[in-house]
Protein backbone atom coordinates (compact mmCIF):
# COMPACT_ATOMS: atom_id res chain seq x y z
CA UNK A 1 -20.23 -37.16 -14.57
CA UNK A 2 -21.78 -33.68 -15.49
CA UNK A 3 -23.10 -33.60 -11.35
CA UNK A 4 -19.31 -34.51 -10.45
CA UNK A 5 -18.01 -32.09 -12.93
CA UNK A 6 -20.65 -29.07 -11.76
CA UNK A 7 -19.68 -29.95 -8.11
CA UNK A 8 -15.85 -29.48 -8.61
CA UNK A 9 -16.67 -26.25 -10.35
CA UNK A 10 -18.58 -25.01 -7.48
CA UNK A 11 -16.14 -26.06 -5.17
CA UNK A 12 -13.51 -24.36 -6.87
CA UNK A 13 -15.47 -21.05 -7.25
CA UNK A 14 -16.06 -21.19 -3.39
CA UNK A 15 -12.24 -21.64 -2.91
CA UNK A 16 -11.37 -18.87 -5.02
CA UNK A 17 -13.94 -16.73 -3.51
CA UNK A 18 -12.72 -17.08 0.05
CA UNK A 19 -8.91 -16.94 -0.89
CA UNK A 20 -9.18 -13.65 -3.09
CA UNK A 21 -10.39 -11.42 0.11
CA UNK A 22 -7.83 -12.87 2.33
CA UNK A 23 -5.11 -11.96 -0.54
CA UNK A 24 -6.84 -8.41 -0.77
CA UNK A 25 -6.69 -7.86 2.96
CA UNK A 26 -2.94 -8.86 3.17
CA UNK A 27 -2.16 -6.29 0.53
CA UNK A 28 -4.14 -4.02 1.97
CA UNK A 29 -2.66 -4.12 5.33
CA UNK A 30 0.88 -4.01 3.80
CA UNK A 31 0.34 -0.62 1.84
CA UNK A 32 -1.17 0.53 5.17
CA UNK A 33 2.16 -0.12 7.33
CA UNK A 34 4.30 0.42 4.41
CA UNK A 35 5.98 -2.95 4.95
CA UNK A 36 7.92 -4.84 2.40
CA UNK A 37 9.20 -8.11 2.77
CA UNK A 38 12.63 -8.58 2.26
CA UNK A 39 13.95 -10.36 -1.24
CA UNK A 40 15.10 -13.61 -1.49
CA UNK A 41 19.06 -13.01 -1.88
CA UNK A 42 21.98 -15.65 -1.42
CA UNK A 43 23.14 -16.00 1.84
CA UNK A 44 26.44 -14.04 1.31
CA UNK A 45 24.57 -10.68 1.23
CA UNK A 46 21.71 -11.73 3.78
CA UNK A 47 21.50 -8.85 6.41
CA UNK A 48 21.89 -9.91 10.12
CA UNK A 49 18.80 -11.28 12.18
CA UNK A 50 16.87 -8.34 13.87
CA UNK A 51 16.55 -5.96 10.91
CA UNK A 52 13.43 -5.35 8.97
CA UNK A 53 12.94 -3.52 5.47
CA UNK A 54 11.89 0.32 6.61
CA UNK A 55 12.05 1.13 2.59
CA UNK A 56 12.29 -0.08 -0.88
CA UNK A 57 13.42 2.06 -3.55
CA UNK A 58 14.18 1.72 -6.97
CA UNK A 59 17.10 3.11 -8.42
CA UNK A 60 17.47 4.42 -12.19
CA UNK A 61 20.44 6.19 -13.23
CA UNK A 62 24.05 5.58 -14.19
CA UNK A 63 27.35 4.08 -12.86
CA UNK A 64 30.21 6.33 -13.70
CA UNK A 65 33.61 5.13 -14.76
CA UNK A 66 37.12 6.51 -15.26
CA UNK A 67 39.99 5.09 -17.02
CA UNK A 68 42.59 4.37 -14.77
CA UNK A 69 45.74 2.67 -14.23
CA UNK A 70 45.53 -0.63 -11.96
CA UNK A 71 48.55 -1.18 -9.68
CA UNK A 72 49.60 -3.85 -12.70
CA UNK A 73 49.88 -1.00 -14.81
CA UNK A 74 47.05 -2.03 -17.08
CA UNK A 75 44.44 0.70 -17.84
CA UNK A 76 40.82 -0.58 -16.78
CA UNK A 77 37.53 1.15 -16.36
CA UNK A 78 37.33 2.12 -12.53
CA UNK A 79 34.06 2.82 -10.75
CA UNK A 80 33.83 6.72 -9.70
CA UNK A 81 30.24 6.29 -8.63
CA UNK A 82 26.52 5.83 -9.08
CA UNK A 83 24.19 8.99 -10.36
CA UNK A 84 20.61 7.76 -9.91
CA UNK A 85 17.10 8.69 -9.02
CA UNK A 86 15.35 6.75 -6.39
CA UNK A 87 11.73 6.33 -6.91
CA UNK A 88 8.88 4.45 -4.59
CA UNK A 89 6.62 1.68 -6.04
CA UNK A 90 4.24 4.28 -7.42
CA UNK A 91 7.22 5.91 -9.41
CA UNK A 92 7.54 8.96 -7.55
CA UNK A 93 10.75 10.47 -6.94
CA UNK A 94 12.04 10.21 -3.17
CA UNK A 95 15.84 10.92 -3.44
CA UNK A 96 19.08 10.34 -5.06
CA UNK A 97 21.54 8.09 -4.81
CA UNK A 98 25.51 9.24 -5.46
CA UNK A 99 28.97 8.38 -4.85
CA UNK A 100 30.00 7.69 -1.31
CA UNK A 101 27.72 5.48 -1.67
CA UNK A 102 25.08 8.09 -0.40
CA UNK A 103 21.40 7.57 -0.50
CA UNK A 104 19.61 11.01 0.37
CA UNK A 105 15.89 11.35 0.39
CA UNK A 106 13.36 14.01 0.06
CA UNK A 107 12.72 13.89 3.64
CA UNK A 108 15.98 15.22 4.49
CA UNK A 109 17.48 12.06 5.69
CA UNK A 110 20.51 10.57 4.48
CA UNK A 111 22.95 7.52 4.85
CA UNK A 112 26.29 6.58 3.64
CA UNK A 113 27.60 2.76 3.48
CA UNK A 114 30.33 0.91 2.55
CA UNK A 115 29.72 -2.29 0.85
CA UNK A 116 30.81 -5.58 2.80
CA UNK A 117 29.88 -8.45 0.48
CA UNK A 118 28.56 -8.79 -2.99
CA UNK A 119 27.17 -11.58 -5.59
CA UNK A 120 27.26 -11.59 -9.26
CA UNK A 121 24.26 -10.57 -11.04
CA UNK A 122 22.37 -13.55 -12.91
CA UNK A 123 23.27 -11.13 -16.23
CA UNK A 124 27.17 -10.68 -16.37
CA UNK A 125 26.37 -7.40 -18.01
CA UNK A 126 24.59 -6.10 -14.37
CA UNK A 127 26.41 -4.72 -11.42
CA UNK A 128 26.45 -7.42 -8.97
CA UNK A 129 24.60 -7.66 -5.60
CA UNK A 130 25.52 -5.73 -2.62
CA UNK A 131 25.22 -5.92 1.07
CA UNK A 132 26.22 -2.36 2.34
CA UNK A 133 26.71 -1.40 6.05
CA UNK A 134 25.95 2.36 6.85
CA UNK A 135 28.81 4.12 8.24
CA UNK A 136 26.64 7.38 9.00
CA UNK A 137 23.26 8.64 9.13
CA UNK A 138 21.88 12.01 8.84
CA UNK A 139 18.60 13.88 9.44
CA UNK A 140 15.52 12.54 10.82
CA UNK A 141 13.46 10.81 8.15
CA UNK A 142 12.98 7.51 6.80
CA UNK A 143 16.82 6.94 6.66
CA UNK A 144 17.65 7.80 10.44
CA UNK A 145 17.77 4.35 11.40
CA UNK A 146 18.80 2.15 8.52
CA UNK A 147 21.99 0.00 9.23
CA UNK A 148 21.98 -1.82 6.42
CA UNK A 149 20.96 -1.94 2.73
CA UNK A 150 20.61 -4.51 -0.01
CA UNK A 151 21.14 -3.81 -3.80
CA UNK A 152 19.73 -6.25 -5.58
CA UNK A 153 17.57 -7.07 -9.24
CA UNK A 154 20.39 -5.02 -11.09
CA UNK A 155 20.25 -4.55 -14.86
CA UNK A 156 23.08 -3.16 -16.62
CA UNK A 157 25.62 -0.78 -15.28
CA UNK A 158 28.59 -2.60 -16.11
CA UNK A 159 31.66 -0.70 -18.18
CA UNK A 160 32.50 -1.23 -21.51
CA UNK A 161 34.95 -3.61 -22.16
CA UNK A 162 36.63 -1.48 -24.76
CA UNK A 163 37.85 2.05 -25.03
CA UNK A 164 40.18 2.25 -21.68
CA UNK A 165 43.85 2.35 -22.35
CA UNK A 166 46.72 4.94 -22.02
CA UNK A 167 45.59 7.22 -24.55
CA UNK A 168 42.01 7.52 -22.62
CA UNK A 169 43.43 8.06 -19.03
CA UNK A 170 40.90 9.90 -17.19
CA UNK A 171 38.45 9.66 -19.83
CA UNK A 172 34.86 9.26 -18.00
CA UNK A 173 31.91 6.89 -19.15
CA UNK A 174 28.18 6.41 -18.20
CA UNK A 175 26.55 3.35 -18.28
CA UNK A 176 22.82 2.86 -17.63
CA UNK A 177 21.28 0.67 -14.73
CA UNK A 178 18.48 0.19 -12.69
CA UNK A 179 18.26 -1.80 -9.29
CA UNK A 180 16.42 -2.08 -6.13
CA UNK A 181 17.64 -1.31 -3.03
CA UNK A 182 15.90 -2.44 0.58
CA UNK A 183 16.59 -0.32 3.43
CA UNK A 184 16.69 -2.26 6.69
CA UNK A 185 16.41 -0.70 10.84
CA UNK A 186 16.17 -2.68 14.01
CA UNK A 187 12.80 -4.16 13.99
CA UNK A 188 10.73 -2.50 16.29
């Protein structure tokens, strides 16, 4: 029995030693080309075929809301827009996300988009996940060829459930949030 356990342990060590360099190599290759795998998302916010991730940015900031009367005359918090820093995976600030919605990178490139699909976040206190189609591009940096954006892995950002009525018309509130933004361009 001890020989069988020893043989199994040696076999396991050999398997681990073979697997680790392969994983380390694929991670190094991923870093070298800067490619990010696309996130697992519901079909409703999947990007069209033929696109690849060209940038992953982590957004951290606020969703800004104003108190407005709806068509039915009832007051509710209405999204004015985001105000968030965009960071890379090394936590370096690479740009800013604002109303439009617009994403501007420090390299001079920018995109403005329009949300075309959404799914509720798993946490009801979090803003929904989105698929955004780009309607305009500017600059010659990383966002120059971007055509689609996904907002996923959201945390927070929903407006409060109180404080918006006729006496607070046009009042503004901010709700902290974080999200991951995947930027897609045609595959090369």
